[in-house]
Amino acid sequence: MSARQVDEDRQQGEFEVTEIAVASERQTAIRLLACIQAAGDANDAIRWGSDVVCVLHSQSRLQALDFWMRNPDYLANELLTEFETSGERGLLTIAQRIFDDREPDLRRLPMVRYLFGAFEPLDNALAILRAADLIRIKREGVPGKIREHLYLLTSAGEDALGRIAAAAPELGWYRDRACIVARVAGEQGGKALKDRQYLQAEYAGTELSHLIQPVTDRVLARLAAILEGLGE
């Protein structure tokens, strides 16, 4: 299905979704586990324990990664930006598939904009992972002045994610999507990622304590223009 056809179907109401989706704590836990594995740094993991596979630095980075997991249209926009820079057709294919699969309508999990950007309390979902020793959380700093949260993925966590992903395609989606999100994020820290997200007018223009608005229509039009320019 072409980007233009998807756009026309949405305007005609064929893909209308009226309810705001909400993830369960267990779904959120799987999503976060996938993000920590995909974007974690394995270089200094061993210093945290022989069974630590990788380390994800900072809560703000985790929140920024989660934003792209939860908002496929924003992720597609980043993929188009990278495509325009690199010319890598695989990025364009992924962006197109996001819309072909109706992800902005079916998989969007809105986040609230606070003073420092998109945020949602993750304590309950992280507690599920910690209780099973799939991750450990360390804090650098002193009580009252925590500089950074560190999310340590254990070998048990890596094994669990592998089993979860193999159990069903729907669960494997989390691991695969987190790898795409991690690629888009690169090595940038949480503040830099949130600054990138703030470049979108809909994000920056959302009132504090309100749900961040989607960019679906604008990104669909951008995708259609790119495909037209390629003669597709």
C-alpha atoms as a PDB file:
ATOM      1  CA  MET A   1       0.000   0.000   0.000  1.00  0.00           C
ATOM      2  CA  SER A   2       1.351   3.433  -0.925  1.00  0.00           C
ATOM      3  CA  ALA A   3       1.814   6.248   1.570  1.00  0.00           C
ATOM      4  CA  ARG A   4      -0.770   8.285  -0.334  1.00  0.00           C
ATOM      5  CA  GLN A   5      -3.342   5.466  -0.139  1.00  0.00           C
ATOM      6  CA  VAL A   6      -2.789   5.083   3.608  1.00  0.00           C
ATOM      7  CA  ASP A   7      -3.282   8.841   4.016  1.00  0.00           C
ATOM      8  CA  GLU A   8      -6.508   8.810   1.986  1.00  0.00           C
ATOM      9  CA  ASP A   9      -7.890   5.855   3.964  1.00  0.00           C
ATOM     10  CA  ARG A  10      -7.143   7.595   7.254  1.00  0.00           C
ATOM     11  CA  GLN A  11      -8.873  10.784   6.082  1.00  0.00           C
ATOM     12  CA  GLN A  12     -11.928   8.768   5.060  1.00  0.00           C
ATOM     13  CA  GLY A  13     -12.052   7.212   8.519  1.00  0.00           C
ATOM     14  CA  GLU A  14     -11.257   3.655   7.425  1.00  0.00           C
ATOM     15  CA  PHE A  15      -8.465   3.382   9.990  1.00  0.00           C
ATOM     16  CA  GLU A  16     -10.138   5.444  12.703  1.00  0.00           C
ATOM     17  CA  VAL A  17      -9.209   4.443  16.245  1.00  0.00           C
ATOM     18  CA  THR A  18     -11.052   6.411  18.913  1.00  0.00           C
ATOM     19  CA  GLU A  19      -9.727   4.899  22.137  1.00  0.00           C
ATOM     20  CA  ILE A  20      -6.362   5.854  23.589  1.00  0.00           C
ATOM     21  CA  ALA A  21      -4.290   2.709  24.005  1.00  0.00           C
ATOM     22  CA  VAL A  22      -2.778   1.924  27.389  1.00  0.00           C
ATOM     23  CA  ALA A  23      -0.103  -0.714  27.910  1.00  0.00           C
ATOM     24  CA  SER A  24      -0.135  -3.122  30.821  1.00  0.00           C
ATOM     25  CA  GLU A  25       2.758  -3.050  33.280  1.00  0.00           C
ATOM     26  CA  ARG A  26       4.024  -6.344  31.832  1.00  0.00           C
ATOM     27  CA  GLN A  27       3.935  -4.991  28.288  1.00  0.00           C
ATOM     28  CA  THR A  28       5.839  -1.944  29.461  1.00  0.00           C
ATOM     29  CA  ALA A  29       8.349  -4.185  31.226  1.00  0.00           C
ATOM     30  CA  ILE A  30       9.028  -6.116  28.004  1.00  0.00           C
ATOM     31  CA  ARG A  31       9.350  -2.864  26.065  1.00  0.00           C
ATOM     32  CA  LEU A  32      11.880  -1.470  28.539  1.00  0.00           C
ATOM     33  CA  LEU A  33      13.821  -4.730  28.679  1.00  0.00           C
ATOM     34  CA  ALA A  34      14.126  -4.637  24.890  1.00  0.00           C
ATOM     35  CA  CYS A  35      15.327  -1.013  24.982  1.00  0.00           C
ATOM     36  CA  ILE A  36      17.961  -1.737  27.618  1.00  0.00           C
ATOM     37  CA  GLN A  37      19.326  -4.663  25.628  1.00  0.00           C
ATOM     38  CA  ALA A  38      19.303  -2.889  22.263  1.00  0.00           C
ATOM     39  CA  ALA A  39      20.798   0.419  23.419  1.00  0.00           C
ATOM     40  CA  GLY A  40      22.952  -0.748  26.327  1.00  0.00           C
ATOM     41  CA  ASP A  41      26.733  -0.421  26.343  1.00  0.00           C
ATOM     42  CA  ALA A  42      28.582  -3.716  26.694  1.00  0.00           C
ATOM     43  CA  ASN A  43      32.060  -2.188  26.990  1.00  0.00           C
ATOM     44  CA  ASP A  44      32.163  -1.664  30.758  1.00  0.00           C
ATOM     45  CA  ALA A  45      29.471  -4.171  31.735  1.00  0.00           C
ATOM     46  CA  ILE A  46      31.883  -6.592  33.391  1.00  0.00           C
ATOM     47  CA  ARG A  47      32.780  -4.148  36.129  1.00  0.00           C
ATOM     48  CA  TRP A  48      29.224  -4.385  37.396  1.00  0.00           C
ATOM     49  CA  GLY A  49      29.270  -8.164  37.694  1.00  0.00           C
ATOM     50  CA  SER A  50      30.188 -11.264  35.754  1.00  0.00           C
ATOM     51  CA  ASP A  51      26.570 -11.809  34.713  1.00  0.00           C
ATOM     52  CA  VAL A  52      25.950  -8.230  33.535  1.00  0.00           C
ATOM     53  CA  VAL A  53      25.594  -8.078  29.747  1.00  0.00           C
ATOM     54  CA  CYS A  54      25.296  -4.341  29.133  1.00  0.00           C
ATOM     55  CA  VAL A  55      24.532  -1.026  30.813  1.00  0.00           C
ATOM     56  CA  LEU A  56      22.086   1.664  29.729  1.00  0.00           C
ATOM     57  CA  HIS A  57      23.013   5.075  31.088  1.00  0.00           C
ATOM     58  CA  SER A  58      20.437   7.562  32.401  1.00  0.00           C
ATOM     59  CA  GLN A  59      16.718   7.612  32.981  1.00  0.00           C
ATOM     60  CA  SER A  60      16.293  10.417  30.445  1.00  0.00           C
ATOM     61  CA  ARG A  61      17.836   8.253  27.724  1.00  0.00           C
ATOM     62  CA  LEU A  62      15.518   5.365  28.599  1.00  0.00           C
ATOM     63  CA  GLN A  63      12.502   7.695  28.509  1.00  0.00           C
ATOM     64  CA  ALA A  64      13.581   9.077  25.108  1.00  0.00           C
ATOM     65  CA  LEU A  65      14.001   5.579  23.678  1.00  0.00           C
ATOM     66  CA  ASP A  66      10.631   4.585  25.060  1.00  0.00           C
ATOM     67  CA  PHE A  67       9.032   7.612  23.407  1.00  0.00           C
ATOM     68  CA  TRP A  68      10.053   6.352  19.955  1.00  0.00           C
ATOM     69  CA  MET A  69       8.892   2.832  20.855  1.00  0.00           C
ATOM     70  CA  ARG A  70       5.489   4.217  21.797  1.00  0.00           C
ATOM     71  CA  ASN A  71       5.118   6.733  18.963  1.00  0.00           C
ATOM     72  CA  PRO A  72       5.768   5.032  15.610  1.00  0.00           C
ATOM     73  CA  ASP A  73       5.034   8.172  13.593  1.00  0.00           C
ATOM     74  CA  TYR A  74       7.817  10.086  15.366  1.00  0.00           C
ATOM     75  CA  LEU A  75      10.154   7.152  14.772  1.00  0.00           C
ATOM     76  CA  ALA A  76       9.216   7.038  11.086  1.00  0.00           C
ATOM     77  CA  ASN A  77      10.041  10.734  10.816  1.00  0.00           C
ATOM     78  CA  GLU A  78      13.529  10.088  12.207  1.00  0.00           C
ATOM     79  CA  LEU A  79      13.996   7.230   9.735  1.00  0.00           C
ATOM     80  CA  LEU A  80      13.084   9.544   6.859  1.00  0.00           C
ATOM     81  CA  THR A  81      15.588  12.114   8.096  1.00  0.00           C
ATOM     82  CA  GLU A  82      18.310   9.470   8.185  1.00  0.00           C
ATOM     83  CA  PHE A  83      17.310   8.243   4.736  1.00  0.00           C
ATOM     84  CA  GLU A  84      17.653  11.736   3.309  1.00  0.00           C
ATOM     85  CA  THR A  85      21.162  11.898   4.767  1.00  0.00           C
ATOM     86  CA  SER A  86      22.404   8.400   3.956  1.00  0.00           C
ATOM     87  CA  GLY A  87      20.262   7.296   1.042  1.00  0.00           C
ATOM     88  CA  GLU A  88      19.886   3.876   2.660  1.00  0.00           C
ATOM     89  CA  ARG A  89      16.732   2.395   1.189  1.00  0.00           C
ATOM     90  CA  GLY A  90      16.230   0.021   4.102  1.00  0.00           C
ATOM     91  CA  LEU A  91      15.338   2.983   6.308  1.00  0.00           C
ATOM     92  CA  LEU A  92      12.691   4.103   3.858  1.00  0.00           C
ATOM     93  CA  THR A  93      11.285   0.576   3.730  1.00  0.00           C
ATOM     94  CA  ILE A  94      10.942   0.438   7.519  1.00  0.00           C
ATOM     95  CA  ALA A  95       9.214   3.836   7.602  1.00  0.00           C
ATOM     96  CA  GLN A  96       6.804   2.769   4.877  1.00  0.00           C
ATOM     97  CA  ARG A  97       6.027  -0.502   6.670  1.00  0.00           C
ATOM     98  CA  ILE A  98       5.174   1.428   9.858  1.00  0.00           C
ATOM     99  CA  PHE A  99       2.337   3.118   7.987  1.00  0.00           C
ATOM    100  CA  ASP A 100       1.343   0.068   5.945  1.00  0.00           C
ATOM    101  CA  ASP A 101       0.864  -1.795   9.239  1.00  0.00           C
ATOM    102  CA  ARG A 102      -1.183   1.108  10.638  1.00  0.00           C
ATOM    103  CA  GLU A 103       1.141   1.391  13.606  1.00  0.00           C
ATOM    104  CA  PRO A 104       0.439   5.074  14.384  1.00  0.00           C
ATOM    105  CA  ASP A 105      -3.217   4.112  14.855  1.00  0.00           C
ATOM    106  CA  LEU A 106      -2.796   0.698  16.474  1.00  0.00           C
ATOM    107  CA  ARG A 107       0.454   0.860  18.439  1.00  0.00           C
ATOM    108  CA  ARG A 108       0.630   4.462  19.596  1.00  0.00           C
ATOM    109  CA  LEU A 109       0.873   4.776  23.366  1.00  0.00           C
ATOM    110  CA  PRO A 110       0.685   8.526  24.091  1.00  0.00           C
ATOM    111  CA  MET A 111       2.997  10.173  26.594  1.00  0.00           C
ATOM    112  CA  VAL A 112       2.483  13.326  28.608  1.00  0.00           C
ATOM    113  CA  ARG A 113       4.745  16.317  28.096  1.00  0.00           C
ATOM    114  CA  TYR A 114       6.342  17.639  31.254  1.00  0.00           C
ATOM    115  CA  LEU A 115       8.874  20.431  31.718  1.00  0.00           C
ATOM    116  CA  PHE A 116      11.762  18.326  30.420  1.00  0.00           C
ATOM    117  CA  GLY A 117       9.819  16.469  27.752  1.00  0.00           C
ATOM    118  CA  ALA A 118       7.927  13.202  27.432  1.00  0.00           C
ATOM    119  CA  PHE A 119       7.758  11.283  30.680  1.00  0.00           C
ATOM    120  CA  GLU A 120       5.921   8.423  32.296  1.00  0.00           C
ATOM    121  CA  PRO A 121       6.653   6.775  35.652  1.00  0.00           C
ATOM    122  CA  LEU A 122       8.401   3.481  34.947  1.00  0.00           C
ATOM    123  CA  ASP A 123       8.886   2.276  38.509  1.00  0.00           C
ATOM    124  CA  ASN A 124       6.252  -0.478  38.440  1.00  0.00           C
ATOM    125  CA  ALA A 125       7.434  -1.973  35.153  1.00  0.00           C
ATOM    126  CA  LEU A 126      11.081  -1.794  36.214  1.00  0.00           C
ATOM    127  CA  ALA A 127      10.159  -3.427  39.517  1.00  0.00           C
ATOM    128  CA  ILE A 128       8.843  -6.443  37.589  1.00  0.00           C
ATOM    129  CA  LEU A 129      12.201  -6.777  35.847  1.00  0.00           C
ATOM    130  CA  ARG A 130      14.180  -6.269  39.046  1.00  0.00           C
ATOM    131  CA  ALA A 131      12.140  -8.818  40.996  1.00  0.00           C
ATOM    132  CA  ALA A 132      13.158 -11.509  38.504  1.00  0.00           C
ATOM    133  CA  ASP A 133      16.763 -10.224  38.421  1.00  0.00           C
ATOM    134  CA  LEU A 134      16.439  -9.503  34.700  1.00  0.00           C
ATOM    135  CA  ILE A 135      17.894  -6.066  35.344  1.00  0.00           C
ATOM    136  CA  ARG A 136      19.559  -4.255  38.221  1.00  0.00           C
ATOM    137  CA  ILE A 137      19.502  -0.532  38.836  1.00  0.00           C
ATOM    138  CA  LYS A 138      22.426   1.429  40.217  1.00  0.00           C
ATOM    139  CA  ARG A 139      22.459   5.090  41.138  1.00  0.00           C
ATOM    140  CA  GLU A 140      25.495   7.317  40.871  1.00  0.00           C
ATOM    141  CA  GLY A 141      25.680  10.225  43.282  1.00  0.00           C
ATOM    142  CA  VAL A 142      24.501  10.679  46.837  1.00  0.00           C
ATOM    143  CA  PRO A 143      21.012  10.562  48.355  1.00  0.00           C
ATOM    144  CA  GLY A 144      19.139  13.659  47.260  1.00  0.00           C
ATOM    145  CA  LYS A 145      21.626  14.347  44.469  1.00  0.00           C
ATOM    146  CA  ILE A 146      21.482  11.376  42.114  1.00  0.00           C
ATOM    147  CA  ARG A 147      23.514  12.175  39.004  1.00  0.00           C
ATOM    148  CA  GLU A 148      22.512   9.198  36.930  1.00  0.00           C
ATOM    149  CA  HIS A 149      20.549   5.952  36.935  1.00  0.00           C
ATOM    150  CA  LEU A 150      22.265   2.925  35.424  1.00  0.00           C
ATOM    151  CA  TYR A 151      20.197   0.025  34.097  1.00  0.00           C
ATOM    152  CA  LEU A 152      22.161  -3.233  34.103  1.00  0.00           C
ATOM    153  CA  LEU A 153      20.920  -6.060  31.893  1.00  0.00           C
ATOM    154  CA  THR A 154      21.772  -9.463  33.355  1.00  0.00           C
ATOM    155  CA  SER A 155      22.389 -12.642  31.409  1.00  0.00           C
ATOM    156  CA  ALA A 156      19.073 -13.882  32.811  1.00  0.00           C
ATOM    157  CA  GLY A 157      17.414 -10.809  31.314  1.00  0.00           C
ATOM    158  CA  GLU A 158      19.034 -11.390  27.939  1.00  0.00           C
ATOM    159  CA  ASP A 159      17.920 -15.037  27.964  1.00  0.00           C
ATOM    160  CA  ALA A 160      14.392 -14.074  29.018  1.00  0.00           C
ATOM    161  CA  LEU A 161      14.058 -11.550  26.183  1.00  0.00           C
ATOM    162  CA  GLY A 162      15.216 -14.193  23.714  1.00  0.00           C
ATOM    163  CA  ARG A 163      12.576 -16.624  24.951  1.00  0.00           C
ATOM    164  CA  ILE A 164       9.890 -13.946  24.910  1.00  0.00           C
ATOM    165  CA  ALA A 165      10.759 -12.897  21.345  1.00  0.00           C
ATOM    166  CA  ALA A 166      10.704 -16.511  20.165  1.00  0.00           C
ATOM    167  CA  ALA A 167       7.344 -17.223  21.781  1.00  0.00           C
ATOM    168  CA  ALA A 168       5.275 -15.235  19.260  1.00  0.00           C
ATOM    169  CA  PRO A 169       5.798 -12.692  16.464  1.00  0.00           C
ATOM    170  CA  GLU A 170       3.847 -10.093  18.438  1.00  0.00           C
ATOM    171  CA  LEU A 171       6.358 -10.374  21.292  1.00  0.00           C
ATOM    172  CA  GLY A 172       9.323 -10.501  18.924  1.00  0.00           C
ATOM    173  CA  TRP A 173       8.199  -7.103  17.631  1.00  0.00           C
ATOM    174  CA  TYR A 174       9.440  -5.457  20.833  1.00  0.00           C
ATOM    175  CA  ARG A 175      13.002  -6.718  20.399  1.00  0.00           C
ATOM    176  CA  ASP A 176      13.106  -5.927  16.687  1.00  0.00           C
ATOM    177  CA  ARG A 177      11.661  -2.448  17.122  1.00  0.00           C
ATOM    178  CA  ALA A 178      14.035  -1.645  19.982  1.00  0.00           C
ATOM    179  CA  CYS A 179      16.959  -2.409  17.665  1.00  0.00           C
ATOM    180  CA  ILE A 180      15.623   0.145  15.169  1.00  0.00           C
ATOM    181  CA  VAL A 181      15.109   2.706  17.921  1.00  0.00           C
ATOM    182  CA  ALA A 182      18.632   2.114  19.221  1.00  0.00           C
ATOM    183  CA  ARG A 183      20.050   2.673  15.752  1.00  0.00           C
ATOM    184  CA  VAL A 184      18.164   5.968  15.418  1.00  0.00           C
ATOM    185  CA  ALA A 185      19.361   7.071  18.859  1.00  0.00           C
ATOM    186  CA  GLY A 186      22.997   6.204  18.223  1.00  0.00           C
ATOM    187  CA  GLU A 187      25.340   7.144  21.052  1.00  0.00           C
ATOM    188  CA  GLN A 188      23.487  10.302  22.058  1.00  0.00           C
ATOM    189  CA  GLY A 189      22.580  10.823  25.701  1.00  0.00           C
ATOM    190  CA  GLY A 190      19.144  11.499  27.070  1.00  0.00           C
ATOM    191  CA  LYS A 191      19.250  15.288  26.822  1.00  0.00           C
ATOM    192  CA  ALA A 192      20.439  15.209  23.210  1.00  0.00           C
ATOM    193  CA  LEU A 193      17.691  12.747  22.285  1.00  0.00           C
ATOM    194  CA  LYS A 194      15.012  14.837  23.940  1.00  0.00           C
ATOM    195  CA  ASP A 195      16.363  17.918  22.159  1.00  0.00           C
ATOM    196  CA  ARG A 196      15.892  16.048  18.872  1.00  0.00           C
ATOM    197  CA  GLN A 197      12.348  15.180  19.813  1.00  0.00           C
ATOM    198  CA  TYR A 198      11.643  18.807  20.729  1.00  0.00           C
ATOM    199  CA  LEU A 199      12.502  19.787  17.137  1.00  0.00           C
ATOM    200  CA  GLN A 200       9.067  18.534  16.130  1.00  0.00           C
ATOM    201  CA  ALA A 201       6.587  21.407  16.391  1.00  0.00           C
ATOM    202  CA  GLU A 202       3.781  19.151  17.595  1.00  0.00           C
ATOM    203  CA  TYR A 203       5.940  17.901  20.468  1.00  0.00           C
ATOM    204  CA  ALA A 204       7.280  21.312  21.447  1.00  0.00           C
ATOM    205  CA  GLY A 205       3.868  22.940  21.096  1.00  0.00           C
ATOM    206  CA  THR A 206       2.057  20.521  23.391  1.00  0.00           C
ATOM    207  CA  GLU A 207       0.975  22.206  26.614  1.00  0.00           C
ATOM    208  CA  LEU A 208       2.558  20.985  29.823  1.00  0.00           C
ATOM    209  CA  SER A 209       0.739  18.034  31.412  1.00  0.00           C
ATOM    210  CA  HIS A 210      -1.033  17.254  28.128  1.00  0.00           C
ATOM    211  CA  LEU A 211      -0.630  14.294  25.779  1.00  0.00           C
ATOM    212  CA  ILE A 212       1.983  14.904  23.103  1.00  0.00           C
ATOM    213  CA  GLN A 213       0.265  15.243  19.756  1.00  0.00           C
ATOM    214  CA  PRO A 214       0.938  12.834  16.869  1.00  0.00           C
ATOM    215  CA  VAL A 215       2.741  13.772  13.653  1.00  0.00           C
ATOM    216  CA  THR A 216       1.146  11.065  11.534  1.00  0.00           C
ATOM    217  CA  ASP A 217      -0.388  13.173   8.780  1.00  0.00           C
ATOM    218  CA  ARG A 218       2.703  15.319   8.315  1.00  0.00           C
ATOM    219  CA  VAL A 219       5.076  12.349   8.181  1.00  0.00           C
ATOM    220  CA  LEU A 220       2.794  10.474   5.781  1.00  0.00           C
ATOM    221  CA  ALA A 221       2.877  13.490   3.461  1.00  0.00           C
ATOM    222  CA  ARG A 222       6.659  13.627   3.788  1.00  0.00           C
ATOM    223  CA  LEU A 223       6.936   9.935   2.949  1.00  0.00           C
ATOM    224  CA  ALA A 224       4.644  10.330  -0.059  1.00  0.00           C
ATOM    225  CA  ALA A 225       6.762  13.235  -1.341  1.00  0.00           C
ATOM    226  CA  ILE A 226       9.957  11.217  -1.002  1.00  0.00           C
ATOM    227  CA  LEU A 227       8.467   8.226  -2.812  1.00  0.00           C
ATOM    228  CA  GLU A 228       7.139  10.492  -5.548  1.00  0.00           C
ATOM    229  CA  GLY A 229      10.582  11.992  -5.947  1.00  0.00           C
ATOM    230  CA  LEU A 230      11.965   8.481  -6.373  1.00  0.00           C
ATOM    231  CA  GLY A 231       9.336   7.712  -8.979  1.00  0.00           C
ATOM    232  CA  GLU A 232       7.508   5.166  -6.825  1.00  0.00           C
END
